[in-house]
Amino acid sequence: MRTGLLAFLFFDVVLDALYSPIWWYTEGAVCVFRFFTRNVRYGANMIGIGVWARSLFKPMYGERTWQGRVVSFVMRTIILLWDVFVFALLLVFLSLFVAAWMLFPPLVVWQITRLLL
């Protein structure tokens, strides 16, 4: 019973604790960067910045008069600016998440050393 407990403590607790920083900055970081790129692509597709940019100079509702073209351009420009703002917020949020992921282990070590000293 004791050897099983000691083996568990050594292999599962100690070695996992020593391996966790290695995993955090290799496989874990790869997963976080995949999450970042997947959500940036998904956000860009959901917001539709490319579609709004491509249709910026096309008249809305088939209105081909100069007034209709001006109104269409102004409205699409406003919507495009709003979408760029929302996409920038998404990028900031996701970048803060990645930064927090990378800074978490040093912060934990710093807090532990501060507590012990």
PDB file of N, CA and C in Angstrom:
ATOM      1  N   MET A   1       0.822  -1.193   0.000  1.00  0.00           N
ATOM      2  CA  MET A   1       0.000   0.000   0.000  1.00  0.00           C
ATOM      3  C   MET A   1       0.867   1.258   0.000  1.00  0.00           C
ATOM      4  N   ARG A   2       1.941   1.227   0.808  1.00  0.00           N
ATOM      5  CA  ARG A   2       2.790   2.412   0.880  1.00  0.00           C
ATOM      6  C   ARG A   2       3.519   2.664  -0.427  1.00  0.00           C
ATOM      7  N   THR A   3       3.989   1.615  -1.058  1.00  0.00           N
ATOM      8  CA  THR A   3       4.718   1.815  -2.322  1.00  0.00           C
ATOM      9  C   THR A   3       3.794   2.362  -3.388  1.00  0.00           C
ATOM     10  N   GLY A   4       2.558   1.937  -3.390  1.00  0.00           N
ATOM     11  CA  GLY A   4       1.593   2.475  -4.344  1.00  0.00           C
ATOM     12  C   GLY A   4       1.322   3.949  -4.091  1.00  0.00           C
ATOM     13  N   LEU A   5       1.214   4.310  -2.824  1.00  0.00           N
ATOM     14  CA  LEU A   5       0.983   5.701  -2.458  1.00  0.00           C
ATOM     15  C   LEU A   5       2.203   6.557  -2.799  1.00  0.00           C
ATOM     16  N   LEU A   6       3.377   6.055  -2.512  1.00  0.00           N
ATOM     17  CA  LEU A   6       4.599   6.790  -2.837  1.00  0.00           C
ATOM     18  C   LEU A   6       4.781   6.914  -4.344  1.00  0.00           C
ATOM     19  N   ALA A   7       4.469   5.857  -5.073  1.00  0.00           N
ATOM     20  CA  ALA A   7       4.568   5.917  -6.532  1.00  0.00           C
ATOM     21  C   ALA A   7       3.562   6.925  -7.084  1.00  0.00           C
ATOM     22  N   PHE A   8       2.358   6.908  -6.541  1.00  0.00           N
ATOM     23  CA  PHE A   8       1.359   7.889  -6.969  1.00  0.00           C
ATOM     24  C   PHE A   8       1.836   9.307  -6.701  1.00  0.00           C
ATOM     25  N   LEU A   9       2.334   9.548  -5.489  1.00  0.00           N
ATOM     26  CA  LEU A   9       2.801  10.886  -5.148  1.00  0.00           C
ATOM     27  C   LEU A   9       3.945  11.320  -6.048  1.00  0.00           C
ATOM     28  N   PHE A  10       4.858  10.421  -6.318  1.00  0.00           N
ATOM     29  CA  PHE A  10       6.005  10.802  -7.136  1.00  0.00           C
ATOM     30  C   PHE A  10       5.615  11.003  -8.593  1.00  0.00           C
ATOM     31  N   PHE A  11       4.959  10.015  -9.182  1.00  0.00           N
ATOM     32  CA  PHE A  11       4.678  10.080 -10.613  1.00  0.00           C
ATOM     33  C   PHE A  11       3.537  11.031 -10.957  1.00  0.00           C
ATOM     34  N   ASP A  12       2.496  10.991 -10.191  1.00  0.00           N
ATOM     35  CA  ASP A  12       1.327  11.793 -10.554  1.00  0.00           C
ATOM     36  C   ASP A  12       1.361  13.209 -10.006  1.00  0.00           C
ATOM     37  N   VAL A  13       1.945  13.411  -8.885  1.00  0.00           N
ATOM     38  CA  VAL A  13       1.933  14.743  -8.303  1.00  0.00           C
ATOM     39  C   VAL A  13       3.218  15.496  -8.616  1.00  0.00           C
ATOM     40  N   VAL A  14       4.342  14.930  -8.265  1.00  0.00           N
ATOM     41  CA  VAL A  14       5.617  15.634  -8.425  1.00  0.00           C
ATOM     42  C   VAL A  14       5.979  15.790  -9.889  1.00  0.00           C
ATOM     43  N   LEU A  15       5.937  14.711 -10.649  1.00  0.00           N
ATOM     44  CA  LEU A  15       6.323  14.807 -12.058  1.00  0.00           C
ATOM     45  C   LEU A  15       5.337  15.647 -12.862  1.00  0.00           C
ATOM     46  N   ASP A  16       4.058  15.564 -12.549  1.00  0.00           N
ATOM     47  CA  ASP A  16       3.087  16.423 -13.234  1.00  0.00           C
ATOM     48  C   ASP A  16       3.306  17.890 -12.888  1.00  0.00           C
ATOM     49  N   ALA A  17       3.666  18.160 -11.650  1.00  0.00           N
ATOM     50  CA  ALA A  17       3.942  19.545 -11.263  1.00  0.00           C
ATOM     51  C   ALA A  17       5.187  20.068 -11.979  1.00  0.00           C
ATOM     52  N   LEU A  18       6.174  19.213 -12.181  1.00  0.00           N
ATOM     53  CA  LEU A  18       7.381  19.630 -12.898  1.00  0.00           C
ATOM     54  C   LEU A  18       7.129  19.745 -14.408  1.00  0.00           C
ATOM     55  N   TYR A  19       6.231  18.928 -14.939  1.00  0.00           N
ATOM     56  CA  TYR A  19       5.965  18.942 -16.380  1.00  0.00           C
ATOM     57  C   TYR A  19       4.975  20.042 -16.780  1.00  0.00           C
ATOM     58  N   SER A  20       4.171  20.509 -15.862  1.00  0.00           N
ATOM     59  CA  SER A  20       3.124  21.461 -16.216  1.00  0.00           C
ATOM     60  C   SER A  20       3.648  22.754 -16.843  1.00  0.00           C
ATOM     61  N   PRO A  21       4.753  23.365 -16.378  1.00  0.00           N
ATOM     62  CA  PRO A  21       5.230  24.565 -17.083  1.00  0.00           C
ATOM     63  C   PRO A  21       5.697  24.270 -18.509  1.00  0.00           C
ATOM     64  N   ILE A  22       6.268  23.105 -18.712  1.00  0.00           N
ATOM     65  CA  ILE A  22       6.695  22.725 -20.063  1.00  0.00           C
ATOM     66  C   ILE A  22       5.473  22.590 -20.956  1.00  0.00           C
ATOM     67  N   TRP A  23       4.440  21.895 -20.462  1.00  0.00           N
ATOM     68  CA  TRP A  23       3.223  21.753 -21.248  1.00  0.00           C
ATOM     69  C   TRP A  23       2.579  23.113 -21.496  1.00  0.00           C
ATOM     70  N   TRP A  24       2.574  23.968 -20.465  1.00  0.00           N
ATOM     71  CA  TRP A  24       1.897  25.262 -20.547  1.00  0.00           C
ATOM     72  C   TRP A  24       2.421  26.105 -21.690  1.00  0.00           C
ATOM     73  N   TYR A  25       3.745  26.097 -21.878  1.00  0.00           N
ATOM     74  CA  TYR A  25       4.354  26.945 -22.904  1.00  0.00           C
ATOM     75  C   TYR A  25       4.602  26.220 -24.228  1.00  0.00           C
ATOM     76  N   THR A  26       4.262  24.942 -24.335  1.00  0.00           N
ATOM     77  CA  THR A  26       4.400  24.233 -25.620  1.00  0.00           C
ATOM     78  C   THR A  26       3.022  23.856 -26.144  1.00  0.00           C
ATOM     79  N   GLU A  27       2.501  22.736 -25.689  1.00  0.00           N
ATOM     80  CA  GLU A  27       1.206  22.262 -26.194  1.00  0.00           C
ATOM     81  C   GLU A  27       0.059  23.188 -25.798  1.00  0.00           C
ATOM     82  N   GLY A  28       0.100  23.683 -24.576  1.00  0.00           N
ATOM     83  CA  GLY A  28      -0.950  24.602 -24.121  1.00  0.00           C
ATOM     84  C   GLY A  28      -0.945  25.897 -24.908  1.00  0.00           C
ATOM     85  N   ALA A  29       0.249  26.423 -25.186  1.00  0.00           N
ATOM     86  CA  ALA A  29       0.347  27.664 -25.966  1.00  0.00           C
ATOM     87  C   ALA A  29      -0.136  27.452 -27.391  1.00  0.00           C
ATOM     88  N   VAL A  30       0.169  26.292 -27.971  1.00  0.00           N
ATOM     89  CA  VAL A  30      -0.312  25.993 -29.320  1.00  0.00           C
ATOM     90  C   VAL A  30      -1.835  25.952 -29.334  1.00  0.00           C
ATOM     91  N   CYS A  31      -2.428  25.344 -28.325  1.00  0.00           N
ATOM     92  CA  CYS A  31      -3.898  25.303 -28.234  1.00  0.00           C
ATOM     93  C   CYS A  31      -4.480  26.701 -28.085  1.00  0.00           C
ATOM     94  N   VAL A  32      -3.843  27.543 -27.300  1.00  0.00           N
ATOM     95  CA  VAL A  32      -4.345  28.907 -27.107  1.00  0.00           C
ATOM     96  C   VAL A  32      -4.222  29.708 -28.396  1.00  0.00           C
ATOM     97  N   PHE A  33      -3.123  29.574 -29.118  1.00  0.00           N
ATOM     98  CA  PHE A  33      -2.968  30.304 -30.377  1.00  0.00           C
ATOM     99  C   PHE A  33      -3.939  29.800 -31.439  1.00  0.00           C
ATOM    100  N   ARG A  34      -4.228  28.505 -31.440  1.00  0.00           N
ATOM    101  CA  ARG A  34      -5.262  27.989 -32.351  1.00  0.00           C
ATOM    102  C   ARG A  34      -6.627  28.560 -31.988  1.00  0.00           C
ATOM    103  N   PHE A  35      -6.913  28.630 -30.684  1.00  0.00           N
ATOM    104  CA  PHE A  35      -8.156  29.235 -30.215  1.00  0.00           C
ATOM    105  C   PHE A  35      -8.236  30.685 -30.678  1.00  0.00           C
ATOM    106  N   PHE A  36      -7.125  31.417 -30.548  1.00  0.00           N
ATOM    107  CA  PHE A  36      -7.065  32.818 -30.959  1.00  0.00           C
ATOM    108  C   PHE A  36      -7.359  32.968 -32.451  1.00  0.00           C
ATOM    109  N   THR A  37      -6.647  32.218 -33.294  1.00  0.00           N
ATOM    110  CA  THR A  37      -6.839  32.355 -34.745  1.00  0.00           C
ATOM    111  C   THR A  37      -8.230  31.889 -35.170  1.00  0.00           C
ATOM    112  N   ARG A  38      -8.721  30.821 -34.556  1.00  0.00           N
ATOM    113  CA  ARG A  38     -10.058  30.332 -34.906  1.00  0.00           C
ATOM    114  C   ARG A  38     -11.116  31.375 -34.562  1.00  0.00           C
ATOM    115  N   ASN A  39     -10.991  32.012 -33.417  1.00  0.00           N
ATOM    116  CA  ASN A  39     -11.984  33.005 -33.015  1.00  0.00           C
ATOM    117  C   ASN A  39     -11.841  34.311 -33.782  1.00  0.00           C
ATOM    118  N   VAL A  40     -10.638  34.669 -34.203  1.00  0.00           N
ATOM    119  CA  VAL A  40     -10.474  35.855 -35.047  1.00  0.00           C
ATOM    120  C   VAL A  40     -11.145  35.615 -36.399  1.00  0.00           C
ATOM    121  N   ARG A  41     -10.906  34.439 -36.989  1.00  0.00           N
ATOM    122  CA  ARG A  41     -11.559  34.119 -38.274  1.00  0.00           C
ATOM    123  C   ARG A  41     -13.076  34.070 -38.130  1.00  0.00           C
ATOM    124  N   TYR A  42     -13.534  33.421 -37.058  1.00  0.00           N
ATOM    125  CA  TYR A  42     -14.970  33.315 -36.835  1.00  0.00           C
ATOM    126  C   TYR A  42     -15.587  34.700 -36.630  1.00  0.00           C
ATOM    127  N   GLY A  43     -14.911  35.540 -35.850  1.00  0.00           N
ATOM    128  CA  GLY A  43     -15.414  36.892 -35.621  1.00  0.00           C
ATOM    129  C   GLY A  43     -15.462  37.708 -36.897  1.00  0.00           C
ATOM    130  N   ALA A  44     -14.411  37.603 -37.735  1.00  0.00           N
ATOM    131  CA  ALA A  44     -14.397  38.331 -39.003  1.00  0.00           C
ATOM    132  C   ALA A  44     -15.516  37.844 -39.920  1.00  0.00           C
ATOM    133  N   ASN A  45     -15.757  36.545 -39.923  1.00  0.00           N
ATOM    134  CA  ASN A  45     -16.850  36.020 -40.752  1.00  0.00           C
ATOM    135  C   ASN A  45     -18.216  36.434 -40.214  1.00  0.00           C
ATOM    136  N   MET A  46     -18.372  36.429 -38.898  1.00  0.00           N
ATOM    137  CA  MET A  46     -19.656  36.804 -38.324  1.00  0.00           C
ATOM    138  C   MET A  46     -19.951  38.290 -38.521  1.00  0.00           C
ATOM    139  N   ILE A  47     -18.937  39.116 -38.379  1.00  0.00           N
ATOM    140  CA  ILE A  47     -19.133  40.553 -38.553  1.00  0.00           C
ATOM    141  C   ILE A  47     -19.306  40.888 -40.029  1.00  0.00           C
ATOM    142  N   GLY A  48     -18.588  40.198 -40.891  1.00  0.00           N
ATOM    143  CA  GLY A  48     -18.738  40.397 -42.333  1.00  0.00           C
ATOM    144  C   GLY A  48     -18.059  41.641 -42.858  1.00  0.00           C
ATOM    145  N   ILE A  49     -16.884  41.943 -42.335  1.00  0.00           N
ATOM    146  CA  ILE A  49     -16.171  43.139 -42.773  1.00  0.00           C
ATOM    147  C   ILE A  49     -15.854  43.074 -44.263  1.00  0.00           C
ATOM    148  N   GLY A  50     -15.453  41.915 -44.738  1.00  0.00           N
ATOM    149  CA  GLY A  50     -15.121  41.771 -46.163  1.00  0.00           C
ATOM    150  C   GLY A  50     -16.312  42.027 -47.070  1.00  0.00           C
ATOM    151  N   VAL A  51     -17.466  41.545 -46.670  1.00  0.00           N
ATOM    152  CA  VAL A  51     -18.677  41.748 -47.481  1.00  0.00           C
ATOM    153  C   VAL A  51     -19.043  43.230 -47.522  1.00  0.00           C
ATOM    154  N   TRP A  52     -18.965  43.898 -46.381  1.00  0.00           N
ATOM    155  CA  TRP A  52     -19.294  45.318 -46.348  1.00  0.00           C
ATOM    156  C   TRP A  52     -18.281  46.131 -47.148  1.00  0.00           C
ATOM    157  N   ALA A  53     -17.017  45.750 -47.086  1.00  0.00           N
ATOM    158  CA  ALA A  53     -15.988  46.489 -47.836  1.00  0.00           C
ATOM    159  C   ALA A  53     -16.169  46.294 -49.339  1.00  0.00           C
ATOM    160  N   ARG A  54     -16.508  45.075 -49.765  1.00  0.00           N
ATOM    161  CA  ARG A  54     -16.700  44.823 -51.198  1.00  0.00           C
ATOM    162  C   ARG A  54     -17.936  45.531 -51.746  1.00  0.00           C
ATOM    163  N   SER A  55     -18.952  45.687 -50.931  1.00  0.00           N
ATOM    164  CA  SER A  55     -20.189  46.306 -51.407  1.00  0.00           C
ATOM    165  C   SER A  55     -20.286  47.790 -51.065  1.00  0.00           C
ATOM    166  N   LEU A  56     -19.177  48.409 -50.730  1.00  0.00           N
ATOM    167  CA  LEU A  56     -19.194  49.802 -50.294  1.00  0.00           C
ATOM    168  C   LEU A  56     -19.707  50.749 -51.380  1.00  0.00           C
ATOM    169  N   PHE A  57     -19.323  50.529 -52.609  1.00  0.00           N
ATOM    170  CA  PHE A  57     -19.697  51.445 -53.696  1.00  0.00           C
ATOM    171  C   PHE A  57     -20.889  50.953 -54.513  1.00  0.00           C
ATOM    172  N   LYS A  58     -21.515  49.849 -54.113  1.00  0.00           N
ATOM    173  CA  LYS A  58     -22.697  49.362 -54.818  1.00  0.00           C
ATOM    174  C   LYS A  58     -23.936  50.047 -54.245  1.00  0.00           C
ATOM    175  N   PRO A  59     -24.872  50.411 -55.077  1.00  0.00           N
ATOM    176  CA  PRO A  59     -26.088  51.061 -54.566  1.00  0.00           C
ATOM    177  C   PRO A  59     -26.980  50.056 -53.838  1.00  0.00           C
ATOM    178  N   MET A  60     -27.639  50.548 -52.804  1.00  0.00           N
ATOM    179  CA  MET A  60     -28.540  49.696 -52.034  1.00  0.00           C
ATOM    180  C   MET A  60     -29.910  49.643 -52.709  1.00  0.00           C
ATOM    181  N   TYR A  61     -30.535  48.490 -52.657  1.00  0.00           N
ATOM    182  CA  TYR A  61     -31.889  48.278 -53.154  1.00  0.00           C
ATOM    183  C   TYR A  61     -32.030  48.625 -54.636  1.00  0.00           C
ATOM    184  N   GLY A  62     -30.926  48.570 -55.389  1.00  0.00           N
ATOM    185  CA  GLY A  62     -30.993  48.873 -56.814  1.00  0.00           C
ATOM    186  C   GLY A  62     -31.234  50.330 -57.131  1.00  0.00           C
ATOM    187  N   GLU A  63     -31.069  51.201 -56.161  1.00  0.00           N
ATOM    188  CA  GLU A  63     -31.269  52.630 -56.349  1.00  0.00           C
ATOM    189  C   GLU A  63     -30.040  53.202 -57.068  1.00  0.00           C
ATOM    190  N   ARG A  64     -30.211  53.594 -58.318  1.00  0.00           N
ATOM    191  CA  ARG A  64     -29.073  53.999 -59.138  1.00  0.00           C
ATOM    192  C   ARG A  64     -28.947  55.516 -59.301  1.00  0.00           C
ATOM    193  N   THR A  65     -29.788  56.288 -58.653  1.00  0.00           N
ATOM    194  CA  THR A  65     -29.652  57.738 -58.743  1.00  0.00           C
ATOM    195  C   THR A  65     -28.464  58.178 -57.891  1.00  0.00           C
ATOM    196  N   TRP A  66     -27.994  59.410 -58.113  1.00  0.00           N
ATOM    197  CA  TRP A  66     -26.829  59.866 -57.360  1.00  0.00           C
ATOM    198  C   TRP A  66     -27.144  60.016 -55.877  1.00  0.00           C
ATOM    199  N   GLN A  67     -28.401  60.370 -55.550  1.00  0.00           N
ATOM    200  CA  GLN A  67     -28.790  60.482 -54.151  1.00  0.00           C
ATOM    201  C   GLN A  67     -28.780  59.097 -53.479  1.00  0.00           C
ATOM    202  N   GLY A  68     -29.285  58.117 -54.196  1.00  0.00           N
ATOM    203  CA  GLY A  68     -29.292  56.754 -53.663  1.00  0.00           C
ATOM    204  C   GLY A  68     -27.883  56.226 -53.460  1.00  0.00           C
ATOM    205  N   ARG A  69     -26.981  56.537 -54.385  1.00  0.00           N
ATOM    206  CA  ARG A  69     -25.587  56.099 -54.250  1.00  0.00           C
ATOM    207  C   ARG A  69     -24.905  56.781 -53.065  1.00  0.00           C
ATOM    208  N   VAL A  70     -25.185  58.067 -52.851  1.00  0.00           N
ATOM    209  CA  VAL A  70     -24.584  58.791 -51.731  1.00  0.00           C
ATOM    210  C   VAL A  70     -25.088  58.229 -50.402  1.00  0.00           C
ATOM    211  N   VAL A  71     -26.392  58.024 -50.307  1.00  0.00           N
ATOM    212  CA  VAL A  71     -26.962  57.472 -49.076  1.00  0.00           C
ATOM    213  C   VAL A  71     -26.408  56.070 -48.824  1.00  0.00           C
ATOM    214  N   SER A  72     -26.318  55.260 -49.859  1.00  0.00           N
ATOM    215  CA  SER A  72     -25.776  53.911 -49.716  1.00  0.00           C
ATOM    216  C   SER A  72     -24.333  53.952 -49.243  1.00  0.00           C
ATOM    217  N   PHE A  73     -23.535  54.823 -49.833  1.00  0.00           N
ATOM    218  CA  PHE A  73     -22.131  54.931 -49.448  1.00  0.00           C
ATOM    219  C   PHE A  73     -21.985  55.387 -48.005  1.00  0.00           C
ATOM    220  N   VAL A  74     -22.765  56.385 -47.609  1.00  0.00           N
ATOM    221  CA  VAL A  74     -22.673  56.890 -46.239  1.00  0.00           C
ATOM    222  C   VAL A  74     -23.106  55.820 -45.244  1.00  0.00           C
ATOM    223  N   MET A  75     -24.210  55.156 -45.500  1.00  0.00           N
ATOM    224  CA  MET A  75     -24.700  54.132 -44.577  1.00  0.00           C
ATOM    225  C   MET A  75     -23.724  52.965 -44.478  1.00  0.00           C
ATOM    226  N   ARG A  76     -23.211  52.513 -45.596  1.00  0.00           N
ATOM    227  CA  ARG A  76     -22.260  51.398 -45.564  1.00  0.00           C
ATOM    228  C   ARG A  76     -20.941  51.801 -44.917  1.00  0.00           C
ATOM    229  N   THR A  77     -20.543  53.043 -45.076  1.00  0.00           N
ATOM    230  CA  THR A  77     -19.327  53.506 -44.407  1.00  0.00           C
ATOM    231  C   THR A  77     -19.514  53.508 -42.895  1.00  0.00           C
ATOM    232  N   ILE A  78     -20.656  53.971 -42.423  1.00  0.00           N
ATOM    233  CA  ILE A  78     -20.946  53.978 -40.989  1.00  0.00           C
ATOM    234  C   ILE A  78     -20.967  52.544 -40.445  1.00  0.00           C
ATOM    235  N   ILE A  79     -21.628  51.657 -41.161  1.00  0.00           N
ATOM    236  CA  ILE A  79     -21.701  50.264 -40.720  1.00  0.00           C
ATOM    237  C   ILE A  79     -20.317  49.624 -40.740  1.00  0.00           C
ATOM    238  N   LEU A  80     -19.527  49.910 -41.767  1.00  0.00           N
ATOM    239  CA  LEU A  80     -18.179  49.354 -41.864  1.00  0.00           C
ATOM    240  C   LEU A  80     -17.288  49.859 -40.723  1.00  0.00           C
ATOM    241  N   LEU A  81     -17.399  51.137 -40.392  1.00  0.00           N
ATOM    242  CA  LEU A  81     -16.616  51.676 -39.277  1.00  0.00           C
ATOM    243  C   LEU A  81     -17.027  51.030 -37.956  1.00  0.00           C
ATOM    244  N   TRP A  82     -18.316  50.822 -37.758  1.00  0.00           N
ATOM    245  CA  TRP A  82     -18.783  50.161 -36.553  1.00  0.00           C
ATOM    246  C   TRP A  82     -18.265  48.727 -36.486  1.00  0.00           C
ATOM    247  N   ASP A  83     -18.326  48.029 -37.616  1.00  0.00           N
ATOM    248  CA  ASP A  83     -17.840  46.648 -37.643  1.00  0.00           C
ATOM    249  C   ASP A  83     -16.345  46.573 -37.373  1.00  0.00           C
ATOM    250  N   VAL A  84     -15.581  47.515 -37.894  1.00  0.00           N
ATOM    251  CA  VAL A  84     -14.139  47.546 -37.613  1.00  0.00           C
ATOM    252  C   VAL A  84     -13.897  47.800 -36.127  1.00  0.00           C
ATOM    253  N   PHE A  85     -14.689  48.662 -35.514  1.00  0.00           N
ATOM    254  CA  PHE A  85     -14.580  48.927 -34.080  1.00  0.00           C
ATOM    255  C   PHE A  85     -14.881  47.668 -33.268  1.00  0.00           C
ATOM    256  N   VAL A  86     -15.952  46.959 -33.624  1.00  0.00           N
ATOM    257  CA  VAL A  86     -16.316  45.731 -32.913  1.00  0.00           C
ATOM    258  C   VAL A  86     -15.233  44.676 -33.098  1.00  0.00           C
ATOM    259  N   PHE A  87     -14.683  44.564 -34.298  1.00  0.00           N
ATOM    260  CA  PHE A  87     -13.620  43.603 -34.557  1.00  0.00           C
ATOM    261  C   PHE A  87     -12.358  43.964 -33.762  1.00  0.00           C
ATOM    262  N   ALA A  88     -12.065  45.244 -33.632  1.00  0.00           N
ATOM    263  CA  ALA A  88     -10.914  45.675 -32.830  1.00  0.00           C
ATOM    264  C   ALA A  88     -11.121  45.313 -31.360  1.00  0.00           C
ATOM    265  N   LEU A  89     -12.339  45.458 -30.860  1.00  0.00           N
ATOM    266  CA  LEU A  89     -12.635  45.046 -29.483  1.00  0.00           C
ATOM    267  C   LEU A  89     -12.442  43.543 -29.315  1.00  0.00           C
ATOM    268  N   LEU A  90     -12.872  42.780 -30.302  1.00  0.00           N
ATOM    269  CA  LEU A  90     -12.672  41.335 -30.260  1.00  0.00           C
ATOM    270  C   LEU A  90     -11.185  41.003 -30.230  1.00  0.00           C
ATOM    271  N   LEU A  91     -10.388  41.665 -31.055  1.00  0.00           N
ATOM    272  CA  LEU A  91      -8.948  41.430 -31.072  1.00  0.00           C
ATOM    273  C   LEU A  91      -8.299  41.793 -29.743  1.00  0.00           C
ATOM    274  N   VAL A  92      -8.730  42.889 -29.148  1.00  0.00           N
ATOM    275  CA  VAL A  92      -8.173  43.293 -27.849  1.00  0.00           C
ATOM    276  C   VAL A  92      -8.519  42.258 -26.786  1.00  0.00           C
ATOM    277  N   PHE A  93      -9.770  41.816 -26.750  1.00  0.00           N
ATOM    278  CA  PHE A  93     -10.195  40.825 -25.768  1.00  0.00           C
ATOM    279  C   PHE A  93      -9.416  39.522 -25.929  1.00  0.00           C
ATOM    280  N   LEU A  94      -9.303  39.036 -27.159  1.00  0.00           N
ATOM    281  CA  LEU A  94      -8.575  37.788 -27.389  1.00  0.00           C
ATOM    282  C   LEU A  94      -7.088  37.944 -27.097  1.00  0.00           C
ATOM    283  N   SER A  95      -6.515  39.097 -27.410  1.00  0.00           N
ATOM    284  CA  SER A  95      -5.098  39.329 -27.115  1.00  0.00           C
ATOM    285  C   SER A  95      -4.852  39.372 -25.611  1.00  0.00           C
ATOM    286  N   LEU A  96      -5.766  39.972 -24.869  1.00  0.00           N
ATOM    287  CA  LEU A  96      -5.638  39.977 -23.411  1.00  0.00           C
ATOM    288  C   LEU A  96      -5.737  38.563 -22.839  1.00  0.00           C
ATOM    289  N   PHE A  97      -6.573  37.744 -23.436  1.00  0.00           N
ATOM    290  CA  PHE A  97      -6.681  36.351 -23.005  1.00  0.00           C
ATOM    291  C   PHE A  97      -5.364  35.614 -23.231  1.00  0.00           C
ATOM    292  N   VAL A  98      -4.757  35.785 -24.406  1.00  0.00           N
ATOM    293  CA  VAL A  98      -3.486  35.127 -24.705  1.00  0.00           C
ATOM    294  C   VAL A  98      -2.390  35.649 -23.774  1.00  0.00           C
ATOM    295  N   ALA A  99      -2.358  36.946 -23.529  1.00  0.00           N
ATOM    296  CA  ALA A  99      -1.359  37.519 -22.624  1.00  0.00           C
ATOM    297  C   ALA A  99      -1.545  36.981 -21.205  1.00  0.00           C
ATOM    298  N   ALA A 100      -2.782  36.874 -20.765  1.00  0.00           N
ATOM    299  CA  ALA A 100      -3.043  36.331 -19.429  1.00  0.00           C
ATOM    300  C   ALA A 100      -2.595  34.881 -19.344  1.00  0.00           C
ATOM    301  N   TRP A 101      -2.820  34.123 -20.416  1.00  0.00           N
ATOM    302  CA  TRP A 101      -2.382  32.729 -20.451  1.00  0.00           C
ATOM    303  C   TRP A 101      -0.867  32.634 -20.317  1.00  0.00           C
ATOM    304  N   MET A 102      -0.148  33.491 -21.019  1.00  0.00           N
ATOM    305  CA  MET A 102       1.308  33.429 -20.986  1.00  0.00           C
ATOM    306  C   MET A 102       1.884  33.943 -19.664  1.00  0.00           C
ATOM    307  N   LEU A 103       1.209  34.879 -19.034  1.00  0.00           N
ATOM    308  CA  LEU A 103       1.737  35.473 -17.803  1.00  0.00           C
ATOM    309  C   LEU A 103       1.279  34.766 -16.531  1.00  0.00           C
ATOM    310  N   PHE A 104       0.368  33.834 -16.648  1.00  0.00           N
ATOM    311  CA  PHE A 104      -0.169  33.186 -15.458  1.00  0.00           C
ATOM    312  C   PHE A 104       0.877  32.401 -14.665  1.00  0.00           C
ATOM    313  N   PRO A 105       1.684  31.516 -15.268  1.00  0.00           N
ATOM    314  CA  PRO A 105       2.676  30.770 -14.467  1.00  0.00           C
ATOM    315  C   PRO A 105       3.708  31.660 -13.771  1.00  0.00           C
ATOM    316  N   PRO A 106       4.311  32.672 -14.443  1.00  0.00           N
ATOM    317  CA  PRO A 106       5.234  33.523 -13.684  1.00  0.00           C
ATOM    318  C   PRO A 106       4.546  34.276 -12.545  1.00  0.00           C
ATOM    319  N   LEU A 107       3.296  34.654 -12.754  1.00  0.00           N
ATOM    320  CA  LEU A 107       2.558  35.337 -11.691  1.00  0.00           C
ATOM    321  C   LEU A 107       2.344  34.412 -10.495  1.00  0.00           C
ATOM    322  N   VAL A 108       2.033  33.161 -10.755  1.00  0.00           N
ATOM    323  CA  VAL A 108       1.847  32.195  -9.668  1.00  0.00           C
ATOM    324  C   VAL A 108       3.160  31.978  -8.918  1.00  0.00           C
ATOM    325  N   VAL A 109       4.262  31.810  -9.647  1.00  0.00           N
ATOM    326  CA  VAL A 109       5.565  31.624  -9.001  1.00  0.00           C
ATOM    327  C   VAL A 109       5.923  32.857  -8.184  1.00  0.00           C
ATOM    328  N   TRP A 110       5.681  34.032  -8.723  1.00  0.00           N
ATOM    329  CA  TRP A 110       5.975  35.267  -7.996  1.00  0.00           C
ATOM    330  C   TRP A 110       5.154  35.356  -6.709  1.00  0.00           C
ATOM    331  N   GLN A 111       3.880  35.002  -6.788  1.00  0.00           N
ATOM    332  CA  GLN A 111       3.022  35.052  -5.599  1.00  0.00           C
ATOM    333  C   GLN A 111       3.475  34.036  -4.549  1.00  0.00           C
ATOM    334  N   ILE A 112       3.893  32.839  -4.996  1.00  0.00           N
ATOM    335  CA  ILE A 112       4.351  31.829  -4.044  1.00  0.00           C
ATOM    336  C   ILE A 112       5.641  32.282  -3.366  1.00  0.00           C
ATOM    337  N   THR A 113       6.574  32.820  -4.149  1.00  0.00           N
ATOM    338  CA  THR A 113       7.827  33.269  -3.543  1.00  0.00           C
ATOM    339  C   THR A 113       7.593  34.464  -2.628  1.00  0.00           C
ATOM    340  N   ARG A 114       6.688  35.327  -2.982  1.00  0.00           N
ATOM    341  CA  ARG A 114       6.351  36.462  -2.124  1.00  0.00           C
ATOM    342  C   ARG A 114       5.721  36.000  -0.814  1.00  0.00           C
ATOM    343  N   LEU A 115       4.922  34.951  -0.902  1.00  0.00           N
ATOM    344  CA  LEU A 115       4.269  34.416   0.283  1.00  0.00           C
ATOM    345  C   LEU A 115       5.284  33.744   1.208  1.00  0.00           C
ATOM    346  N   LEU A 116       6.244  33.044   0.611  1.00  0.00           N
ATOM    347  CA  LEU A 116       7.213  32.296   1.412  1.00  0.00           C
ATOM    348  C   LEU A 116       8.310  33.183   1.994  1.00  0.00           C
ATOM    349  N   LEU A 117       8.599  34.302   1.352  1.00  0.00           N
ATOM    350  CA  LEU A 117       9.684  35.153   1.857  1.00  0.00           C
ATOM    351  C   LEU A 117       9.160  36.177   2.757  1.00  0.00           C
TER     352      LEU A 117
END
